[in-house]
């Protein structure tokens, strides 16, 4: 018999919050486990999901110095998001971040971070330690080594987090093609997924 748990409860636009961590150009050199074009494509799709479902969203990071500037997708699709500057390895250690999470009042946190093994992992562990339920969008993240990336996913999973993809996320949040968001999700797949031919561009 299958046992119901907090991780078998479906995600919805009413029970989850999105957190975007460090989508800044200065971290590009560390992206060696995923092609840059694929990474930007996936991160853009993730940002559009936030917009399509009008979900509460927190955008973490600060521009300047080695961090560079935010990817254009942040201003283009995340204008509704709450911006929080972060100067700590884990965003949990920024009081404003905790305050904003408390205001939103949701336990399920869907997050993507440019460095899976650093900013995404450390925040995920802190969220778990404080009663939240993190879902890590792994195809919107990367690392400098496959081994390091694998270790990060293992540690987060063993700690209790769930690994997801943006494609799974879009369908789960939608639930039914006849919803008002159904058409937008269909367009999202056509523009950004392999189902719509995105990866074919690299073969031709």
N, C-alpha and C. Protein backbone atom coordinates (compact mmCIF):
# COMPACT_ATOMS: atom_id res chain seq x y z
N UNK A 1 0.85 -1.19 0.00
CA UNK A 1 0.00 0.00 0.00
C UNK A 1 0.89 1.25 0.00
N UNK A 2 0.56 2.18 -0.87
CA UNK A 2 1.32 3.42 -0.92
C UNK A 2 0.94 4.32 0.25
N UNK A 3 1.94 4.92 0.84
CA UNK A 3 1.69 5.83 1.95
C UNK A 3 1.76 7.28 1.45
N UNK A 4 0.75 8.04 1.81
CA UNK A 4 0.73 9.43 1.43
C UNK A 4 1.76 10.20 2.27
N UNK A 5 2.50 11.08 1.63
CA UNK A 5 3.46 11.91 2.35
C UNK A 5 3.39 13.32 1.81
N UNK A 6 4.14 14.21 2.43
CA UNK A 6 4.13 15.59 1.97
C UNK A 6 4.68 15.71 0.55
N UNK A 7 5.47 14.73 0.12
CA UNK A 7 6.06 14.78 -1.21
C UNK A 7 5.20 14.10 -2.28
N UNK A 8 4.13 13.42 -1.88
CA UNK A 8 3.21 12.89 -2.87
C UNK A 8 2.05 13.85 -3.10
N UNK A 9 1.91 14.84 -2.23
CA UNK A 9 0.91 15.88 -2.45
C UNK A 9 1.35 16.72 -3.64
N UNK A 10 0.45 16.91 -4.60
CA UNK A 10 0.82 17.63 -5.81
C UNK A 10 1.07 19.11 -5.55
N UNK A 11 2.04 19.62 -6.29
CA UNK A 11 2.31 21.05 -6.24
C UNK A 11 1.20 21.81 -6.98
N UNK A 12 0.88 22.98 -6.49
CA UNK A 12 -0.10 23.84 -7.18
C UNK A 12 0.32 25.29 -7.01
N UNK A 13 -0.32 26.15 -7.78
CA UNK A 13 0.01 27.57 -7.67
C UNK A 13 -0.49 28.15 -6.35
N UNK A 14 -1.28 27.35 -5.61
CA UNK A 14 -1.82 27.81 -4.34
C UNK A 14 -1.04 27.33 -3.13
N UNK A 15 -0.17 26.31 -3.30
CA UNK A 15 0.52 25.78 -2.13
C UNK A 15 2.04 25.90 -2.18
N UNK A 16 2.57 26.56 -3.21
CA UNK A 16 4.02 26.61 -3.36
C UNK A 16 4.52 28.03 -3.65
N UNK A 17 5.78 28.23 -3.33
CA UNK A 17 6.50 29.48 -3.60
C UNK A 17 7.71 29.16 -4.48
N UNK A 18 8.04 30.05 -5.39
CA UNK A 18 9.22 29.87 -6.24
C UNK A 18 10.36 30.76 -5.73
N UNK A 19 11.57 30.19 -5.71
CA UNK A 19 12.76 30.94 -5.32
C UNK A 19 13.81 30.78 -6.43
N UNK A 20 14.26 31.90 -6.98
CA UNK A 20 15.29 31.92 -8.03
C UNK A 20 16.59 32.41 -7.40
N UNK A 21 17.64 31.60 -7.47
CA UNK A 21 18.88 31.90 -6.75
C UNK A 21 20.04 32.19 -7.70
N UNK A 22 20.53 33.41 -7.67
CA UNK A 22 21.79 33.78 -8.33
C UNK A 22 21.84 33.55 -9.84
N UNK A 23 20.83 33.97 -10.56
CA UNK A 23 20.89 33.87 -12.02
C UNK A 23 21.64 35.09 -12.56
N UNK A 24 22.97 35.04 -12.32
CA UNK A 24 23.86 36.15 -12.61
C UNK A 24 24.97 35.71 -13.55
N UNK A 25 25.33 36.61 -14.48
CA UNK A 25 26.29 36.26 -15.53
C UNK A 25 27.70 35.97 -15.01
N UNK A 26 28.05 36.51 -13.85
CA UNK A 26 29.39 36.31 -13.33
C UNK A 26 29.71 34.88 -12.95
N UNK A 27 28.67 34.06 -12.80
CA UNK A 27 28.88 32.67 -12.42
C UNK A 27 28.95 31.73 -13.62
N UNK A 28 28.84 32.29 -14.82
CA UNK A 28 28.85 31.47 -16.04
C UNK A 28 30.06 30.52 -16.16
N UNK A 29 31.28 30.94 -15.79
CA UNK A 29 32.43 30.05 -15.96
C UNK A 29 32.30 28.72 -15.22
N UNK A 30 31.51 28.70 -14.16
CA UNK A 30 31.35 27.46 -13.40
C UNK A 30 30.36 26.49 -13.98
N UNK A 31 29.63 26.90 -15.01
CA UNK A 31 28.61 26.03 -15.62
C UNK A 31 29.28 25.08 -16.61
N UNK A 32 29.74 23.94 -16.12
CA UNK A 32 30.42 22.97 -16.99
C UNK A 32 29.68 21.66 -17.10
N UNK A 33 28.60 21.50 -16.35
CA UNK A 33 27.84 20.25 -16.41
C UNK A 33 26.59 20.40 -17.27
N UNK A 34 26.37 21.58 -17.82
CA UNK A 34 25.22 21.83 -18.69
C UNK A 34 25.62 22.91 -19.69
N UNK A 35 25.21 22.75 -20.93
CA UNK A 35 25.52 23.76 -21.95
C UNK A 35 24.85 25.08 -21.59
N UNK A 36 25.58 26.16 -21.82
CA UNK A 36 25.06 27.48 -21.46
C UNK A 36 23.72 27.76 -22.12
N UNK A 37 23.59 27.45 -23.40
CA UNK A 37 22.33 27.72 -24.10
C UNK A 37 21.18 26.92 -23.50
N UNK A 38 21.45 25.68 -23.12
CA UNK A 38 20.42 24.85 -22.50
C UNK A 38 20.06 25.38 -21.12
N UNK A 39 21.07 25.78 -20.38
CA UNK A 39 20.83 26.34 -19.05
C UNK A 39 19.93 27.58 -19.12
N UNK A 40 20.28 28.51 -20.01
CA UNK A 40 19.49 29.74 -20.13
C UNK A 40 18.07 29.42 -20.60
N UNK A 41 17.95 28.48 -21.52
CA UNK A 41 16.64 28.05 -21.99
C UNK A 41 15.79 27.52 -20.83
N UNK A 42 16.38 26.64 -20.03
CA UNK A 42 15.64 26.03 -18.93
C UNK A 42 15.27 27.05 -17.85
N UNK A 43 16.22 27.93 -17.54
CA UNK A 43 15.97 28.95 -16.54
C UNK A 43 14.87 29.91 -17.00
N UNK A 44 14.87 30.21 -18.30
CA UNK A 44 13.82 31.07 -18.86
C UNK A 44 12.46 30.40 -18.74
N UNK A 45 12.39 29.11 -19.04
CA UNK A 45 11.14 28.37 -18.91
C UNK A 45 10.66 28.39 -17.46
N UNK A 46 11.57 28.20 -16.52
CA UNK A 46 11.24 28.22 -15.10
C UNK A 46 10.67 29.59 -14.70
N UNK A 47 11.31 30.66 -15.17
CA UNK A 47 10.84 32.00 -14.87
C UNK A 47 9.44 32.23 -15.47
N UNK A 48 9.22 31.73 -16.68
CA UNK A 48 7.91 31.88 -17.32
C UNK A 48 6.83 31.14 -16.54
N UNK A 49 7.19 30.00 -15.94
CA UNK A 49 6.24 29.25 -15.13
C UNK A 49 5.74 30.12 -13.97
N UNK A 50 6.66 30.82 -13.34
CA UNK A 50 6.29 31.74 -12.27
C UNK A 50 5.30 32.78 -12.76
N UNK A 51 5.55 33.29 -13.97
CA UNK A 51 4.68 34.31 -14.54
C UNK A 51 3.33 33.75 -14.95
N UNK A 52 3.34 32.59 -15.60
CA UNK A 52 2.09 31.97 -16.08
C UNK A 52 1.12 31.71 -14.93
N UNK A 53 1.65 31.18 -13.83
CA UNK A 53 0.79 30.78 -12.72
C UNK A 53 0.67 31.86 -11.64
N UNK A 54 1.29 33.03 -11.90
CA UNK A 54 1.20 34.16 -10.97
C UNK A 54 1.56 33.73 -9.55
N UNK A 55 2.68 33.04 -9.44
CA UNK A 55 3.08 32.48 -8.15
C UNK A 55 3.94 33.46 -7.37
N UNK A 56 3.82 33.44 -6.04
CA UNK A 56 4.73 34.25 -5.24
C UNK A 56 6.17 33.80 -5.49
N UNK A 57 7.04 34.75 -5.75
CA UNK A 57 8.40 34.44 -6.19
C UNK A 57 9.40 35.35 -5.50
N UNK A 58 10.49 34.76 -5.05
CA UNK A 58 11.58 35.53 -4.46
C UNK A 58 12.79 35.38 -5.37
N UNK A 59 13.38 36.51 -5.75
CA UNK A 59 14.57 36.52 -6.61
C UNK A 59 15.77 36.91 -5.76
N UNK A 60 16.72 35.99 -5.63
CA UNK A 60 17.88 36.20 -4.77
C UNK A 60 19.11 36.57 -5.59
N UNK A 61 19.95 37.42 -5.03
CA UNK A 61 21.20 37.76 -5.68
C UNK A 61 21.47 39.26 -5.65
N UNK A 62 22.70 39.60 -5.97
CA UNK A 62 23.08 41.00 -6.02
C UNK A 62 24.08 41.19 -7.15
N UNK A 63 23.92 42.28 -7.88
CA UNK A 63 24.79 42.56 -9.02
C UNK A 63 26.07 43.25 -8.57
N UNK A 64 27.08 43.16 -9.43
CA UNK A 64 28.31 43.89 -9.17
C UNK A 64 29.49 42.98 -8.89
N UNK A 65 30.69 43.46 -9.22
CA UNK A 65 31.90 42.71 -8.96
C UNK A 65 31.92 41.39 -9.71
N UNK A 66 32.40 40.35 -9.05
CA UNK A 66 32.51 39.04 -9.71
C UNK A 66 31.16 38.42 -10.02
N UNK A 67 30.09 38.95 -9.46
CA UNK A 67 28.76 38.38 -9.68
C UNK A 67 28.18 38.77 -11.04
N UNK A 68 28.66 39.84 -11.62
CA UNK A 68 28.13 40.27 -12.91
C UNK A 68 26.75 40.87 -12.79
N UNK A 69 25.93 40.64 -13.81
CA UNK A 69 24.57 41.18 -13.83
C UNK A 69 23.55 40.05 -13.93
N UNK A 70 22.32 40.35 -13.56
CA UNK A 70 21.26 39.37 -13.68
C UNK A 70 21.02 39.03 -15.15
N UNK A 71 20.67 37.78 -15.41
CA UNK A 71 20.26 37.40 -16.75
C UNK A 71 19.03 38.23 -17.14
N UNK A 72 18.87 38.56 -18.43
CA UNK A 72 17.70 39.34 -18.87
C UNK A 72 16.37 38.70 -18.48
N UNK A 73 16.34 37.37 -18.34
CA UNK A 73 15.09 36.69 -17.99
C UNK A 73 14.55 37.18 -16.65
N UNK A 74 15.43 37.66 -15.77
CA UNK A 74 14.98 38.12 -14.46
C UNK A 74 14.09 39.35 -14.59
N UNK A 75 14.53 40.33 -15.37
CA UNK A 75 13.71 41.53 -15.55
C UNK A 75 12.53 41.28 -16.47
N UNK A 76 12.70 40.37 -17.43
CA UNK A 76 11.65 40.15 -18.42
C UNK A 76 10.48 39.34 -17.89
N UNK A 77 10.76 38.32 -17.08
CA UNK A 77 9.69 37.42 -16.64
C UNK A 77 9.48 37.38 -15.14
N UNK A 78 10.33 38.05 -14.38
CA UNK A 78 10.21 37.99 -12.92
C UNK A 78 10.01 39.36 -12.30
N UNK A 79 9.41 40.27 -13.07
CA UNK A 79 9.15 41.60 -12.55
C UNK A 79 8.22 41.59 -11.36
N UNK A 80 7.41 40.55 -11.24
CA UNK A 80 6.48 40.44 -10.12
C UNK A 80 7.15 39.89 -8.86
N UNK A 81 8.42 39.44 -9.00
CA UNK A 81 9.10 38.80 -7.89
C UNK A 81 9.58 39.79 -6.84
N UNK A 82 9.84 39.26 -5.66
CA UNK A 82 10.39 40.03 -4.55
C UNK A 82 11.90 39.90 -4.59
N UNK A 83 12.62 41.00 -4.73
CA UNK A 83 14.08 40.96 -4.81
C UNK A 83 14.70 41.00 -3.42
N UNK A 84 15.63 40.09 -3.19
CA UNK A 84 16.33 40.04 -1.91
C UNK A 84 17.83 39.93 -2.20
N UNK A 85 18.60 40.93 -1.78
CA UNK A 85 20.05 40.84 -1.93
C UNK A 85 20.58 39.81 -0.94
N UNK A 86 21.57 39.06 -1.39
CA UNK A 86 22.11 38.00 -0.54
C UNK A 86 23.61 38.10 -0.46
N UNK A 87 24.12 38.13 0.75
CA UNK A 87 25.57 38.21 0.95
C UNK A 87 26.08 37.03 1.76
N UNK A 88 25.26 36.01 1.89
CA UNK A 88 25.62 34.81 2.65
C UNK A 88 25.54 33.61 1.72
N UNK A 89 26.34 32.56 1.95
CA UNK A 89 26.28 31.38 1.09
C UNK A 89 24.89 30.77 1.01
N UNK A 90 24.20 30.72 2.14
CA UNK A 90 22.82 30.25 2.15
C UNK A 90 21.90 31.44 2.35
N UNK A 91 20.89 31.57 1.50
CA UNK A 91 19.95 32.70 1.61
C UNK A 91 19.20 32.68 2.94
N UNK A 92 19.14 31.52 3.56
CA UNK A 92 18.42 31.42 4.84
C UNK A 92 19.01 32.37 5.88
N UNK A 93 20.30 32.65 5.77
CA UNK A 93 20.97 33.50 6.75
C UNK A 93 20.73 34.98 6.53
N UNK A 94 19.97 35.32 5.48
CA UNK A 94 19.56 36.70 5.26
C UNK A 94 18.19 36.92 5.92
N UNK A 95 18.11 37.78 6.94
CA UNK A 95 16.84 37.99 7.64
C UNK A 95 15.68 38.36 6.72
N UNK A 96 15.95 39.19 5.69
CA UNK A 96 14.86 39.61 4.80
C UNK A 96 14.26 38.42 4.07
N UNK A 97 15.11 37.46 3.68
CA UNK A 97 14.60 36.28 3.00
C UNK A 97 13.64 35.51 3.89
N UNK A 98 14.03 35.29 5.14
CA UNK A 98 13.15 34.57 6.07
C UNK A 98 11.85 35.35 6.30
N UNK A 99 11.97 36.65 6.38
CA UNK A 99 10.77 37.48 6.59
C UNK A 99 9.80 37.35 5.43
N UNK A 100 10.34 37.37 4.20
CA UNK A 100 9.47 37.27 3.03
C UNK A 100 8.81 35.90 2.95
N UNK A 101 9.56 34.84 3.27
CA UNK A 101 8.96 33.51 3.28
C UNK A 101 7.82 33.42 4.29
N UNK A 102 8.03 33.99 5.45
CA UNK A 102 7.00 33.95 6.48
C UNK A 102 5.76 34.72 6.05
N UNK A 103 5.95 35.83 5.36
CA UNK A 103 4.81 36.62 4.87
C UNK A 103 3.99 35.80 3.88
N UNK A 104 4.68 35.10 2.98
CA UNK A 104 3.98 34.29 1.97
C UNK A 104 3.24 33.14 2.65
N UNK A 105 3.90 32.50 3.60
CA UNK A 105 3.22 31.50 4.43
C UNK A 105 3.03 30.13 3.81
N UNK A 106 3.87 29.75 2.86
CA UNK A 106 3.75 28.43 2.23
C UNK A 106 4.98 27.59 2.54
N UNK A 107 4.77 26.29 2.74
CA UNK A 107 5.87 25.41 3.12
C UNK A 107 6.58 24.78 1.93
N UNK A 108 5.90 24.64 0.81
CA UNK A 108 6.52 24.03 -0.36
C UNK A 108 7.30 25.10 -1.14
N UNK A 109 8.61 24.89 -1.27
CA UNK A 109 9.48 25.86 -1.93
C UNK A 109 10.10 25.23 -3.17
N UNK A 110 9.78 25.78 -4.34
CA UNK A 110 10.35 25.30 -5.60
C UNK A 110 11.52 26.23 -5.92
N UNK A 111 12.73 25.66 -5.98
CA UNK A 111 13.88 26.53 -6.16
C UNK A 111 14.83 26.04 -7.25
N UNK A 112 15.46 27.00 -7.88
CA UNK A 112 16.52 26.73 -8.84
C UNK A 112 17.65 27.70 -8.57
N UNK A 113 18.88 27.20 -8.63
CA UNK A 113 20.02 28.06 -8.38
C UNK A 113 21.16 27.73 -9.32
N UNK A 114 21.86 28.75 -9.79
CA UNK A 114 22.87 28.53 -10.82
C UNK A 114 23.96 27.56 -10.36
N UNK A 115 24.26 27.54 -9.05
CA UNK A 115 25.24 26.59 -8.55
C UNK A 115 24.52 25.54 -7.71
N UNK A 116 24.29 24.38 -8.29
CA UNK A 116 23.53 23.34 -7.60
C UNK A 116 24.20 22.93 -6.30
N UNK A 117 25.52 22.86 -6.29
CA UNK A 117 26.24 22.35 -5.12
C UNK A 117 26.53 23.40 -4.06
N UNK A 118 26.30 24.68 -4.38
CA UNK A 118 26.59 25.73 -3.39
C UNK A 118 25.30 26.43 -2.98
N UNK A 119 24.87 27.44 -3.74
CA UNK A 119 23.72 28.24 -3.30
C UNK A 119 22.43 27.42 -3.21
N UNK A 120 22.19 26.54 -4.17
CA UNK A 120 20.96 25.74 -4.14
C UNK A 120 21.00 24.71 -3.02
N UNK A 121 22.14 24.03 -2.89
CA UNK A 121 22.24 22.98 -1.88
C UNK A 121 22.18 23.54 -0.45
N UNK A 122 22.93 24.58 -0.17
CA UNK A 122 22.97 25.11 1.19
C UNK A 122 21.62 25.67 1.61
N UNK A 123 20.93 26.35 0.70
CA UNK A 123 19.59 26.84 1.01
C UNK A 123 18.63 25.68 1.23
N UNK A 124 18.72 24.66 0.39
CA UNK A 124 17.84 23.50 0.52
C UNK A 124 17.98 22.85 1.89
N UNK A 125 19.21 22.65 2.34
CA UNK A 125 19.44 22.02 3.64
C UNK A 125 18.88 22.87 4.78
N UNK A 126 19.05 24.19 4.68
CA UNK A 126 18.50 25.06 5.71
C UNK A 126 16.98 25.07 5.70
N UNK A 127 16.39 25.03 4.51
CA UNK A 127 14.92 24.97 4.43
C UNK A 127 14.40 23.70 5.10
N UNK A 128 15.04 22.58 4.83
CA UNK A 128 14.65 21.32 5.46
C UNK A 128 14.77 21.40 6.98
N UNK A 129 15.84 22.00 7.46
CA UNK A 129 16.06 22.11 8.90
C UNK A 129 15.04 23.00 9.60
N UNK A 130 14.33 23.80 8.80
CA UNK A 130 13.37 24.74 9.38
C UNK A 130 11.93 24.46 8.98
N UNK A 131 11.66 23.21 8.60
CA UNK A 131 10.28 22.78 8.39
C UNK A 131 9.69 23.02 7.03
N UNK A 132 10.52 23.43 6.05
CA UNK A 132 10.02 23.65 4.70
C UNK A 132 10.21 22.40 3.84
N UNK A 133 9.55 22.37 2.70
CA UNK A 133 9.59 21.22 1.79
C UNK A 133 10.15 21.68 0.44
N UNK A 134 11.46 21.56 0.25
CA UNK A 134 12.08 22.06 -0.99
C UNK A 134 11.99 21.08 -2.16
N UNK A 135 11.71 21.66 -3.32
CA UNK A 135 11.71 20.94 -4.60
C UNK A 135 12.75 21.64 -5.47
N UNK A 136 13.83 20.94 -5.81
CA UNK A 136 14.95 21.55 -6.52
C UNK A 136 14.83 21.28 -8.01
N UNK A 137 14.77 22.33 -8.81
CA UNK A 137 14.63 22.21 -10.27
C UNK A 137 16.04 22.01 -10.84
N UNK A 138 16.41 20.75 -11.02
CA UNK A 138 17.81 20.41 -11.31
C UNK A 138 18.28 20.85 -12.69
N UNK A 139 17.37 20.97 -13.66
CA UNK A 139 17.81 21.38 -14.99
C UNK A 139 17.89 22.90 -15.14
N UNK A 140 17.69 23.62 -14.04
CA UNK A 140 17.92 25.06 -14.02
C UNK A 140 19.13 25.38 -13.15
N UNK A 141 19.99 24.40 -13.00
CA UNK A 141 21.18 24.53 -12.18
C UNK A 141 22.36 23.85 -12.87
N UNK A 142 23.54 24.08 -12.34
CA UNK A 142 24.73 23.43 -12.88
C UNK A 142 25.84 23.43 -11.87
N UNK A 143 26.99 22.90 -12.26
CA UNK A 143 28.16 22.88 -11.40
C UNK A 143 29.40 22.84 -12.29
N UNK A 144 30.57 22.80 -11.64
CA UNK A 144 31.81 22.77 -12.42
C UNK A 144 32.27 21.34 -12.71
N UNK A 145 31.68 20.33 -12.01
CA UNK A 145 32.05 18.94 -12.22
C UNK A 145 30.83 18.04 -12.05
N UNK A 146 30.72 17.02 -12.88
CA UNK A 146 29.61 16.08 -12.78
C UNK A 146 29.58 15.39 -11.42
N UNK A 147 30.77 15.00 -10.93
CA UNK A 147 30.86 14.31 -9.65
C UNK A 147 30.32 15.18 -8.52
N UNK A 148 30.66 16.46 -8.55
CA UNK A 148 30.21 17.40 -7.52
C UNK A 148 28.70 17.58 -7.61
N UNK A 149 28.19 17.71 -8.82
CA UNK A 149 26.75 17.86 -9.04
C UNK A 149 26.00 16.64 -8.52
N UNK A 150 26.52 15.45 -8.82
CA UNK A 150 25.90 14.21 -8.37
C UNK A 150 25.88 14.12 -6.85
N UNK A 151 27.00 14.48 -6.22
CA UNK A 151 27.08 14.45 -4.76
C UNK A 151 26.06 15.39 -4.13
N UNK A 152 25.88 16.56 -4.74
CA UNK A 152 24.92 17.54 -4.21
C UNK A 152 23.49 16.99 -4.28
N UNK A 153 23.12 16.39 -5.40
CA UNK A 153 21.78 15.83 -5.53
C UNK A 153 21.56 14.68 -4.55
N UNK A 154 22.60 13.86 -4.36
CA UNK A 154 22.49 12.78 -3.38
C UNK A 154 22.27 13.32 -1.98
N UNK A 155 23.07 14.30 -1.60
CA UNK A 155 22.95 14.84 -0.25
C UNK A 155 21.58 15.48 -0.02
N UNK A 156 21.11 16.26 -0.98
CA UNK A 156 19.80 16.91 -0.83
C UNK A 156 18.68 15.88 -0.77
N UNK A 157 18.77 14.85 -1.61
CA UNK A 157 17.74 13.81 -1.61
C UNK A 157 17.75 13.03 -0.31
N UNK A 158 18.94 12.66 0.16
CA UNK A 158 19.05 11.93 1.42
C UNK A 158 18.53 12.76 2.59
N UNK A 159 18.67 14.07 2.49
CA UNK A 159 18.20 14.94 3.56
C UNK A 159 16.68 15.11 3.53
N UNK A 160 16.05 14.80 2.37
CA UNK A 160 14.60 14.86 2.30
C UNK A 160 14.03 15.75 1.23
N UNK A 161 14.87 16.36 0.40
CA UNK A 161 14.38 17.21 -0.68
C UNK A 161 13.97 16.38 -1.89
N UNK A 162 13.21 16.99 -2.78
CA UNK A 162 12.77 16.32 -4.00
C UNK A 162 13.39 17.01 -5.22
N UNK A 163 13.91 16.20 -6.14
CA UNK A 163 14.48 16.73 -7.37
C UNK A 163 13.41 16.70 -8.47
N UNK A 164 13.26 17.80 -9.20
CA UNK A 164 12.26 17.89 -10.26
C UNK A 164 12.88 18.57 -11.48
N UNK A 165 12.14 18.56 -12.59
CA UNK A 165 12.53 19.31 -13.80
C UNK A 165 11.47 20.38 -14.05
N UNK A 166 11.83 21.37 -14.86
CA UNK A 166 10.84 22.42 -15.14
C UNK A 166 9.66 21.88 -15.92
N UNK A 167 9.91 20.88 -16.78
CA UNK A 167 8.81 20.32 -17.57
C UNK A 167 7.79 19.61 -16.70
N UNK A 168 8.27 18.80 -15.76
CA UNK A 168 7.38 18.14 -14.81
C UNK A 168 6.61 19.18 -14.01
N UNK A 169 7.32 20.20 -13.57
CA UNK A 169 6.72 21.26 -12.77
C UNK A 169 5.57 21.94 -13.51
N UNK A 170 5.78 22.27 -14.77
CA UNK A 170 4.75 22.97 -15.54
C UNK A 170 3.46 22.16 -15.65
N UNK A 171 3.60 20.87 -15.94
CA UNK A 171 2.41 20.02 -16.07
C UNK A 171 1.72 19.79 -14.74
N UNK A 172 2.53 19.62 -13.69
CA UNK A 172 1.95 19.38 -12.36
C UNK A 172 1.16 20.59 -11.87
N UNK A 173 1.71 21.77 -12.08
CA UNK A 173 1.01 22.98 -11.66
C UNK A 173 -0.25 23.21 -12.48
N UNK A 174 -0.20 22.87 -13.77
CA UNK A 174 -1.34 23.07 -14.66
C UNK A 174 -2.47 22.10 -14.32
N UNK A 175 -2.16 20.80 -14.31
CA UNK A 175 -3.14 19.79 -13.94
C UNK A 175 -4.12 19.40 -15.03
N UNK A 176 -4.51 20.33 -15.88
CA UNK A 176 -5.53 20.05 -16.90
C UNK A 176 -5.32 21.05 -18.04
N UNK A 177 -5.26 20.52 -19.27
CA UNK A 177 -5.04 21.40 -20.43
C UNK A 177 -6.20 22.38 -20.63
N UNK A 178 -7.33 22.11 -20.01
CA UNK A 178 -8.50 22.98 -20.18
C UNK A 178 -8.52 24.15 -19.21
N UNK A 179 -7.52 24.22 -18.35
CA UNK A 179 -7.44 25.35 -17.42
C UNK A 179 -7.03 26.61 -18.17
N UNK A 180 -7.21 27.77 -17.57
CA UNK A 180 -6.78 29.02 -18.23
C UNK A 180 -5.29 29.03 -18.57
N UNK A 181 -4.49 28.29 -17.81
CA UNK A 181 -3.05 28.26 -18.04
C UNK A 181 -2.62 27.23 -19.08
N UNK A 182 -3.56 26.35 -19.47
CA UNK A 182 -3.21 25.26 -20.37
C UNK A 182 -2.58 25.70 -21.68
N UNK A 183 -3.14 26.69 -22.31
CA UNK A 183 -2.60 27.18 -23.59
C UNK A 183 -1.19 27.73 -23.42
N UNK A 184 -0.96 28.46 -22.32
CA UNK A 184 0.36 29.04 -22.07
C UNK A 184 1.40 27.96 -21.82
N UNK A 185 1.00 26.89 -21.13
CA UNK A 185 1.93 25.79 -20.88
C UNK A 185 2.26 25.07 -22.19
N UNK A 186 1.27 24.89 -23.04
CA UNK A 186 1.52 24.29 -24.35
C UNK A 186 2.53 25.10 -25.15
N UNK A 187 2.38 26.41 -25.12
CA UNK A 187 3.32 27.29 -25.81
C UNK A 187 4.71 27.20 -25.19
N UNK A 188 4.75 27.07 -23.87
CA UNK A 188 6.02 26.94 -23.15
C UNK A 188 6.78 25.70 -23.62
N UNK A 189 6.09 24.58 -23.74
CA UNK A 189 6.72 23.35 -24.21
C UNK A 189 7.22 23.51 -25.65
N UNK A 190 6.42 24.16 -26.49
CA UNK A 190 6.81 24.34 -27.89
C UNK A 190 8.06 25.20 -28.01
N UNK A 191 8.19 26.18 -27.15
CA UNK A 191 9.31 27.12 -27.24
C UNK A 191 10.57 26.63 -26.53
N UNK A 192 10.41 25.79 -25.49
CA UNK A 192 11.57 25.51 -24.64
C UNK A 192 11.89 24.04 -24.39
N UNK A 193 11.06 23.11 -24.84
CA UNK A 193 11.34 21.71 -24.50
C UNK A 193 11.68 20.86 -25.73
N UNK A 194 12.23 19.70 -25.45
CA UNK A 194 12.51 18.75 -26.52
C UNK A 194 11.25 18.30 -27.22
N UNK A 195 10.14 18.29 -26.48
CA UNK A 195 8.85 17.89 -27.08
C UNK A 195 8.44 18.87 -28.17
N UNK A 196 8.91 20.11 -28.05
CA UNK A 196 8.60 21.11 -29.06
C UNK A 196 9.72 21.30 -30.06
N UNK A 197 10.78 20.51 -29.94
CA UNK A 197 11.87 20.57 -30.90
C UNK A 197 13.04 21.45 -30.52
N UNK A 198 13.08 21.91 -29.26
CA UNK A 198 14.16 22.81 -28.86
C UNK A 198 15.53 22.21 -29.11
N UNK A 199 15.75 20.97 -28.71
CA UNK A 199 17.08 20.37 -28.81
C UNK A 199 17.45 19.98 -30.25
N UNK A 200 16.48 19.94 -31.13
CA UNK A 200 16.75 19.62 -32.52
C UNK A 200 17.66 20.66 -33.15
N UNK A 201 17.58 21.88 -32.64
CA UNK A 201 18.40 22.97 -33.18
C UNK A 201 19.88 22.67 -33.07
N UNK A 202 20.29 21.85 -32.10
CA UNK A 202 21.69 21.55 -31.90
C UNK A 202 22.17 20.40 -32.80
N UNK A 203 21.22 19.70 -33.42
CA UNK A 203 21.57 18.58 -34.28
C UNK A 203 21.62 18.96 -35.76
N UNK A 204 20.87 20.01 -36.11
CA UNK A 204 20.78 20.40 -37.52
C UNK A 204 22.01 21.20 -37.98
